[in-house]
PDB file of N, CA and C in Angstrom:
ATOM      1  N   MET A   1      10.513   1.181  -4.948  1.00  0.00           N
ATOM      2  CA  MET A   1      10.000  -0.160  -4.770  1.00  0.00           C
ATOM      3  C   MET A   1      10.203  -0.988  -6.010  1.00  0.00           C
ATOM      4  N   LEU A   2      10.663  -2.222  -5.785  1.00  0.00           N
ATOM      5  CA  LEU A   2      11.027  -3.004  -7.079  1.00  0.00           C
ATOM      6  C   LEU A   2       9.891  -3.804  -7.402  1.00  0.00           C
ATOM      7  N   CYS A   3       9.849  -4.328  -8.642  1.00  0.00           N
ATOM      8  CA  CYS A   3       8.895  -5.149  -9.192  1.00  0.00           C
ATOM      9  C   CYS A   3       8.745  -6.502  -8.442  1.00  0.00           C
ATOM     10  N   GLY A   4       7.558  -6.894  -8.151  1.00  0.00           N
ATOM     11  CA  GLY A   4       7.309  -8.059  -7.305  1.00  0.00           C
ATOM     12  C   GLY A   4       7.615  -9.290  -8.054  1.00  0.00           C
ATOM     13  N   ILE A   5       7.841  -9.288  -9.484  1.00  0.00           N
ATOM     14  CA  ILE A   5       8.180 -10.448 -10.212  1.00  0.00           C
ATOM     15  C   ILE A   5       9.741 -10.597 -10.416  1.00  0.00           C
ATOM     16  N   CYS A   6      10.219  -9.642 -11.148  1.00  0.00           N
ATOM     17  CA  CYS A   6      11.673  -9.720 -11.575  1.00  0.00           C
ATOM     18  C   CYS A   6      12.615  -9.289 -10.380  1.00  0.00           C
ATOM     19  N   LYS A   7      12.133  -8.543  -9.481  1.00  0.00           N
ATOM     20  CA  LYS A   7      12.837  -7.931  -8.378  1.00  0.00           C
ATOM     21  C   LYS A   7      14.089  -7.149  -8.707  1.00  0.00           C
ATOM     22  N   GLN A   8      14.127  -6.641  -9.938  1.00  0.00           N
ATOM     23  CA  GLN A   8      15.266  -5.813 -10.468  1.00  0.00           C
ATOM     24  C   GLN A   8      15.050  -4.498 -10.972  1.00  0.00           C
ATOM     25  N   THR A   9      13.724  -4.293 -11.362  1.00  0.00           N
ATOM     26  CA  THR A   9      13.339  -3.081 -12.009  1.00  0.00           C
ATOM     27  C   THR A   9      12.295  -2.239 -11.102  1.00  0.00           C
ATOM     28  N   LYS A  10      12.309  -0.940 -11.212  1.00  0.00           N
ATOM     29  CA  LYS A  10      11.465  -0.085 -10.443  1.00  0.00           C
ATOM     30  C   LYS A  10       9.926  -0.403 -10.843  1.00  0.00           C
ATOM     31  N   ALA A  11       9.103  -0.714  -9.901  1.00  0.00           N
ATOM     32  CA  ALA A  11       7.717  -0.932 -10.088  1.00  0.00           C
ATOM     33  C   ALA A  11       7.029   0.363 -10.484  1.00  0.00           C
ATOM     34  N   THR A  12       6.271   0.380 -11.532  1.00  0.00           N
ATOM     35  CA  THR A  12       5.583   1.560 -12.010  1.00  0.00           C
ATOM     36  C   THR A  12       4.086   1.229 -12.201  1.00  0.00           C
ATOM     37  N   VAL A  13       3.759   0.029 -12.192  1.00  0.00           N
ATOM     38  CA  VAL A  13       2.306  -0.514 -12.218  1.00  0.00           C
ATOM     39  C   VAL A  13       1.861  -1.057 -10.839  1.00  0.00           C
ATOM     40  N   HIS A  14       0.855  -0.501 -10.395  1.00  0.00           N
ATOM     41  CA  HIS A  14       0.476  -0.887  -9.035  1.00  0.00           C
ATOM     42  C   HIS A  14      -0.957  -1.300  -9.016  1.00  0.00           C
ATOM     43  N   LEU A  15      -1.224  -2.742  -8.687  1.00  0.00           N
ATOM     44  CA  LEU A  15      -2.567  -3.292  -8.731  1.00  0.00           C
ATOM     45  C   LEU A  15      -3.009  -3.493  -7.386  1.00  0.00           C
ATOM     46  N   THR A  16      -4.347  -3.421  -7.264  1.00  0.00           N
ATOM     47  CA  THR A  16      -4.997  -3.706  -5.952  1.00  0.00           C
ATOM     48  C   THR A  16      -6.280  -4.373  -6.168  1.00  0.00           C
ATOM     49  N   GLN A  17      -6.505  -5.447  -5.393  1.00  0.00           N
ATOM     50  CA  GLN A  17      -7.723  -6.202  -5.483  1.00  0.00           C
ATOM     51  C   GLN A  17      -8.313  -6.231  -4.038  1.00  0.00           C
ATOM     52  N   ILE A  18      -9.598  -5.939  -3.855  1.00  0.00           N
ATOM     53  CA  ILE A  18     -10.208  -5.857  -2.582  1.00  0.00           C
ATOM     54  C   ILE A  18     -11.390  -6.921  -2.698  1.00  0.00           C
ATOM     55  N   VAL A  19     -11.357  -7.894  -1.869  1.00  0.00           N
ATOM     56  CA  VAL A  19     -12.416  -8.891  -1.758  1.00  0.00           C
ATOM     57  C   VAL A  19     -12.852  -8.982  -0.249  1.00  0.00           C
ATOM     58  N   GLY A  20     -13.995  -8.653   0.028  1.00  0.00           N
ATOM     59  CA  GLY A  20     -14.484  -8.465   1.380  1.00  0.00           C
ATOM     60  C   GLY A  20     -13.552  -7.547   2.171  1.00  0.00           C
ATOM     61  N   GLU A  21     -12.977  -8.050   3.253  1.00  0.00           N
ATOM     62  CA  GLU A  21     -12.156  -7.232   4.067  1.00  0.00           C
ATOM     63  C   GLU A  21     -10.633  -7.465   3.812  1.00  0.00           C
ATOM     64  N   THR A  22     -10.292  -8.162   2.714  1.00  0.00           N
ATOM     65  CA  THR A  22      -8.904  -8.572   2.446  1.00  0.00           C
ATOM     66  C   THR A  22      -8.516  -7.561   1.128  1.00  0.00           C
ATOM     67  N   MET A  23      -7.391  -6.990   1.202  1.00  0.00           N
ATOM     68  CA  MET A  23      -6.815  -6.260   0.037  1.00  0.00           C
ATOM     69  C   MET A  23      -5.522  -6.971  -0.268  1.00  0.00           C
ATOM     70  N   GLN A  24      -5.267  -7.029  -1.549  1.00  0.00           N
ATOM     71  CA  GLN A  24      -4.145  -7.760  -2.041  1.00  0.00           C
ATOM     72  C   GLN A  24      -3.555  -6.684  -3.118  1.00  0.00           C
ATOM     73  N   THR A  25      -2.300  -6.493  -3.042  1.00  0.00           N
ATOM     74  CA  THR A  25      -1.602  -5.605  -3.984  1.00  0.00           C
ATOM     75  C   THR A  25      -0.442  -6.242  -4.663  1.00  0.00           C
ATOM     76  N   MET A  26      -0.092  -5.705  -5.822  1.00  0.00           N
ATOM     77  CA  MET A  26       0.949  -6.217  -6.562  1.00  0.00           C
ATOM     78  C   MET A  26       1.688  -5.097  -7.325  1.00  0.00           C
ATOM     79  N   ASP A  27       2.929  -4.873  -7.233  1.00  0.00           N
ATOM     80  CA  ASP A  27       3.705  -3.832  -7.814  1.00  0.00           C
ATOM     81  C   ASP A  27       4.570  -4.408  -8.941  1.00  0.00           C
ATOM     82  N   LEU A  28       4.432  -3.997 -10.204  1.00  0.00           N
ATOM     83  CA  LEU A  28       5.197  -4.562 -11.171  1.00  0.00           C
ATOM     84  C   LEU A  28       6.001  -3.564 -12.028  1.00  0.00           C
ATOM     85  N   CYS A  29       7.004  -3.871 -12.756  1.00  0.00           N
ATOM     86  CA  CYS A  29       7.668  -2.998 -13.705  1.00  0.00           C
ATOM     87  C   CYS A  29       6.794  -3.234 -15.009  1.00  0.00           C
ATOM     88  N   GLU A  30       6.908  -2.239 -15.978  1.00  0.00           N
ATOM     89  CA  GLU A  30       6.166  -2.234 -17.150  1.00  0.00           C
ATOM     90  C   GLU A  30       6.377  -3.467 -18.005  1.00  0.00           C
ATOM     91  N   LYS A  31       7.606  -4.065 -18.066  1.00  0.00           N
ATOM     92  CA  LYS A  31       7.899  -5.193 -18.869  1.00  0.00           C
ATOM     93  C   LYS A  31       7.171  -6.466 -18.275  1.00  0.00           C
ATOM     94  N   CYS A  32       7.233  -6.607 -16.932  1.00  0.00           N
ATOM     95  CA  CYS A  32       6.498  -7.861 -16.353  1.00  0.00           C
ATOM     96  C   CYS A  32       4.979  -7.594 -16.497  1.00  0.00           C
ATOM     97  N   ALA A  33       4.486  -6.496 -16.273  1.00  0.00           N
ATOM     98  CA  ALA A  33       3.064  -6.128 -16.411  1.00  0.00           C
ATOM     99  C   ALA A  33       2.589  -6.587 -17.806  1.00  0.00           C
ATOM    100  N   ARG A  34       3.378  -6.176 -18.845  1.00  0.00           N
ATOM    101  CA  ARG A  34       3.063  -6.633 -20.226  1.00  0.00           C
ATOM    102  C   ARG A  34       3.096  -8.131 -20.483  1.00  0.00           C
ATOM    103  N   THR A  35       4.184  -8.718 -19.835  1.00  0.00           N
ATOM    104  CA  THR A  35       4.364 -10.058 -20.016  1.00  0.00           C
ATOM    105  C   THR A  35       3.138 -10.906 -19.348  1.00  0.00           C
ATOM    106  N   LYS A  36       2.632 -10.436 -18.206  1.00  0.00           N
ATOM    107  CA  LYS A  36       1.477 -11.115 -17.490  1.00  0.00           C
ATOM    108  C   LYS A  36       0.163 -10.644 -18.109  1.00  0.00           C
ATOM    109  N   GLY A  37       0.154  -9.845 -19.100  1.00  0.00           N
ATOM    110  CA  GLY A  37      -1.150  -9.375 -19.717  1.00  0.00           C
ATOM    111  C   GLY A  37      -1.976  -8.396 -18.990  1.00  0.00           C
ATOM    112  N   VAL A  38      -1.308  -7.567 -18.126  1.00  0.00           N
ATOM    113  CA  VAL A  38      -1.933  -6.458 -17.402  1.00  0.00           C
ATOM    114  C   VAL A  38      -2.579  -5.420 -18.332  1.00  0.00           C
ATOM    115  N   ASN A  39      -1.959  -5.231 -19.543  1.00  0.00           N
ATOM    116  CA  ASN A  39      -2.479  -4.178 -20.327  1.00  0.00           C
ATOM    117  C   ASN A  39      -3.648  -4.764 -21.227  1.00  0.00           C
ATOM    118  N   ASP A  40      -4.018  -5.989 -21.033  1.00  0.00           N
ATOM    119  CA  ASP A  40      -5.256  -6.586 -21.722  1.00  0.00           C
ATOM    120  C   ASP A  40      -6.321  -6.863 -20.593  1.00  0.00           C
ATOM    121  N   PRO A  41      -7.260  -5.967 -20.295  1.00  0.00           N
ATOM    122  CA  PRO A  41      -8.228  -6.198 -19.272  1.00  0.00           C
ATOM    123  C   PRO A  41      -9.104  -7.529 -19.495  1.00  0.00           C
ATOM    124  N   THR A  42      -9.184  -8.010 -20.699  1.00  0.00           N
ATOM    125  CA  THR A  42     -10.022  -9.120 -20.984  1.00  0.00           C
ATOM    126  C   THR A  42      -9.422 -10.388 -20.617  1.00  0.00           C
ATOM    127  N   GLY A  43      -7.992 -10.360 -20.656  1.00  0.00           N
ATOM    128  CA  GLY A  43      -7.238 -11.511 -20.331  1.00  0.00           C
ATOM    129  C   GLY A  43      -6.510 -11.662 -19.068  1.00  0.00           C
ATOM    130  N   PHE A  44      -6.651 -10.541 -18.162  1.00  0.00           N
ATOM    131  CA  PHE A  44      -5.848 -10.467 -16.996  1.00  0.00           C
ATOM    132  C   PHE A  44      -6.728 -10.664 -15.807  1.00  0.00           C
ATOM    133  N   SER A  45      -6.084 -11.451 -14.826  1.00  0.00           N
ATOM    134  CA  SER A  45      -6.806 -11.704 -13.528  1.00  0.00           C
ATOM    135  C   SER A  45      -5.654 -11.519 -12.291  1.00  0.00           C
ATOM    136  N   LEU A  46      -5.955 -10.588 -11.487  1.00  0.00           N
ATOM    137  CA  LEU A  46      -4.991 -10.300 -10.493  1.00  0.00           C
ATOM    138  C   LEU A  46      -4.875 -11.522  -9.559  1.00  0.00           C
ATOM    139  N   ALA A  47      -6.017 -12.165  -9.296  1.00  0.00           N
ATOM    140  CA  ALA A  47      -6.113 -13.411  -8.441  1.00  0.00           C
ATOM    141  C   ALA A  47      -5.119 -14.418  -9.068  1.00  0.00           C
ATOM    142  N   ASP A  48      -5.237 -14.651 -10.425  1.00  0.00           N
ATOM    143  CA  ASP A  48      -4.435 -15.725 -11.089  1.00  0.00           C
ATOM    144  C   ASP A  48      -2.893 -15.338 -10.954  1.00  0.00           C
ATOM    145  N   LEU A  49      -2.614 -14.065 -11.083  1.00  0.00           N
ATOM    146  CA  LEU A  49      -1.245 -13.575 -11.119  1.00  0.00           C
ATOM    147  C   LEU A  49      -0.623 -13.764  -9.732  1.00  0.00           C
ATOM    148  N   LEU A  50      -1.457 -13.477  -8.572  1.00  0.00           N
ATOM    149  CA  LEU A  50      -0.909 -13.651  -7.317  1.00  0.00           C
ATOM    150  C   LEU A  50      -0.863 -15.165  -6.866  1.00  0.00           C
ATOM    151  N   ALA A  51      -1.760 -16.044  -7.427  1.00  0.00           N
ATOM    152  CA  ALA A  51      -1.683 -17.352  -7.099  1.00  0.00           C
ATOM    153  C   ALA A  51      -0.441 -18.042  -7.768  1.00  0.00           C
ATOM    154  N   SER A  52      -0.164 -17.509  -9.028  1.00  0.00           N
ATOM    155  CA  SER A  52       1.020 -18.135  -9.733  1.00  0.00           C
ATOM    156  C   SER A  52       2.359 -17.765  -8.988  1.00  0.00           C
ATOM    157  N   MET A  53       2.376 -16.765  -8.148  1.00  0.00           N
ATOM    158  CA  MET A  53       3.521 -16.405  -7.518  1.00  0.00           C
ATOM    159  C   MET A  53       3.473 -16.817  -6.048  1.00  0.00           C
ATOM    160  N   GLY A  54       2.605 -17.612  -5.765  1.00  0.00           N
ATOM    161  CA  GLY A  54       2.634 -18.224  -4.287  1.00  0.00           C
ATOM    162  C   GLY A  54       1.721 -17.391  -3.262  1.00  0.00           C
ATOM    163  N   GLY A  55       0.854 -16.453  -3.916  1.00  0.00           N
ATOM    164  CA  GLY A  55       0.073 -15.667  -2.916  1.00  0.00           C
ATOM    165  C   GLY A  55       0.429 -14.254  -3.073  1.00  0.00           C
ATOM    166  N   PRO A  56      -0.372 -13.479  -2.259  1.00  0.00           N
ATOM    167  CA  PRO A  56      -0.090 -12.043  -2.369  1.00  0.00           C
ATOM    168  C   PRO A  56       1.160 -11.559  -1.723  1.00  0.00           C
ATOM    169  N   GLN A  57       1.779 -10.446  -2.119  1.00  0.00           N
ATOM    170  CA  GLN A  57       2.919  -9.949  -1.513  1.00  0.00           C
ATOM    171  C   GLN A  57       2.576  -9.165  -0.218  1.00  0.00           C
ATOM    172  N   ARG A  58       1.411  -8.641  -0.184  1.00  0.00           N
ATOM    173  CA  ARG A  58       0.982  -8.015   1.132  1.00  0.00           C
ATOM    174  C   ARG A  58      -0.548  -8.171   1.259  1.00  0.00           C
ATOM    175  N   ILE A  59      -0.889  -8.457   2.421  1.00  0.00           N
ATOM    176  CA  ILE A  59      -2.322  -8.443   2.642  1.00  0.00           C
ATOM    177  C   ILE A  59      -2.598  -7.502   3.932  1.00  0.00           C
ATOM    178  N   GLN A  60      -3.567  -6.603   3.703  1.00  0.00           N
ATOM    179  CA  GLN A  60      -3.943  -5.693   4.829  1.00  0.00           C
ATOM    180  C   GLN A  60      -5.248  -5.195   4.641  1.00  0.00           C
ATOM    181  N   PRO A  61      -5.943  -4.955   5.746  1.00  0.00           N
ATOM    182  CA  PRO A  61      -7.370  -4.352   5.662  1.00  0.00           C
ATOM    183  C   PRO A  61      -7.333  -3.053   5.033  1.00  0.00           C
ATOM    184  N   PRO A  62      -8.408  -2.777   4.131  1.00  0.00           N
ATOM    185  CA  PRO A  62      -8.427  -1.406   3.621  1.00  0.00           C
ATOM    186  C   PRO A  62      -8.171  -0.381   4.534  1.00  0.00           C
ATOM    187  N   GLY A  63      -7.524   0.709   4.164  1.00  0.00           N
ATOM    188  CA  GLY A  63      -7.366   1.964   5.013  1.00  0.00           C
ATOM    189  C   GLY A  63      -6.207   1.982   5.967  1.00  0.00           C
ATOM    190  N   GLU A  64      -5.510   0.760   6.138  1.00  0.00           N
ATOM    191  CA  GLU A  64      -4.461   0.667   7.093  1.00  0.00           C
ATOM    192  C   GLU A  64      -3.206   1.360   6.540  1.00  0.00           C
ATOM    193  N   SER A  65      -2.856   1.250   5.244  1.00  0.00           N
ATOM    194  CA  SER A  65      -1.675   1.886   4.749  1.00  0.00           C
ATOM    195  C   SER A  65      -1.811   3.394   4.307  1.00  0.00           C
ATOM    196  N   GLY A  66      -3.046   3.773   4.224  1.00  0.00           N
ATOM    197  CA  GLY A  66      -3.192   5.263   3.763  1.00  0.00           C
ATOM    198  C   GLY A  66      -2.974   5.354   2.208  1.00  0.00           C
ATOM    199  N   GLU A  67      -2.539   4.261   1.443  1.00  0.00           N
ATOM    200  CA  GLU A  67      -2.206   4.466   0.167  1.00  0.00           C
ATOM    201  C   GLU A  67      -3.526   4.129  -0.692  1.00  0.00           C
ATOM    202  N   ILE A  68      -3.556   4.765  -1.841  1.00  0.00           N
ATOM    203  CA  ILE A  68      -4.651   4.449  -2.751  1.00  0.00           C
ATOM    204  C   ILE A  68      -4.066   4.112  -4.133  1.00  0.00           C
ATOM    205  N   HIS A  69      -4.296   2.942  -4.602  1.00  0.00           N
ATOM    206  CA  HIS A  69      -3.798   2.534  -5.903  1.00  0.00           C
ATOM    207  C   HIS A  69      -4.973   2.434  -6.835  1.00  0.00           C
ATOM    208  N   LEU A  70      -4.821   3.015  -7.947  1.00  0.00           N
ATOM    209  CA  LEU A  70      -5.873   2.929  -9.041  1.00  0.00           C
ATOM    210  C   LEU A  70      -5.339   2.078 -10.152  1.00  0.00           C
TER     211      LEU A  70
END
C-alpha cells in the first residue's frame, strides 16, 4: 500500500478515526507522517489532515474490512 500523500513510498503509518458510524483511515509513509506532525500528538489532527487532502481516502462502517489499525 502506498502513502496517501506522496503516492510513491510504502505506507508504514496507519491512522484511523471513528466518529459515530463513520470510520476514516489514512495510510502514510514515515516521511509524510513526520511532515504532517503525526509524531506530535499535541499538534496532530487526523480530521485536519484529511480535510487538507480533500476528504478521507476510504470511508466504511466499522467492522466491514476486518482490519484493525492502532
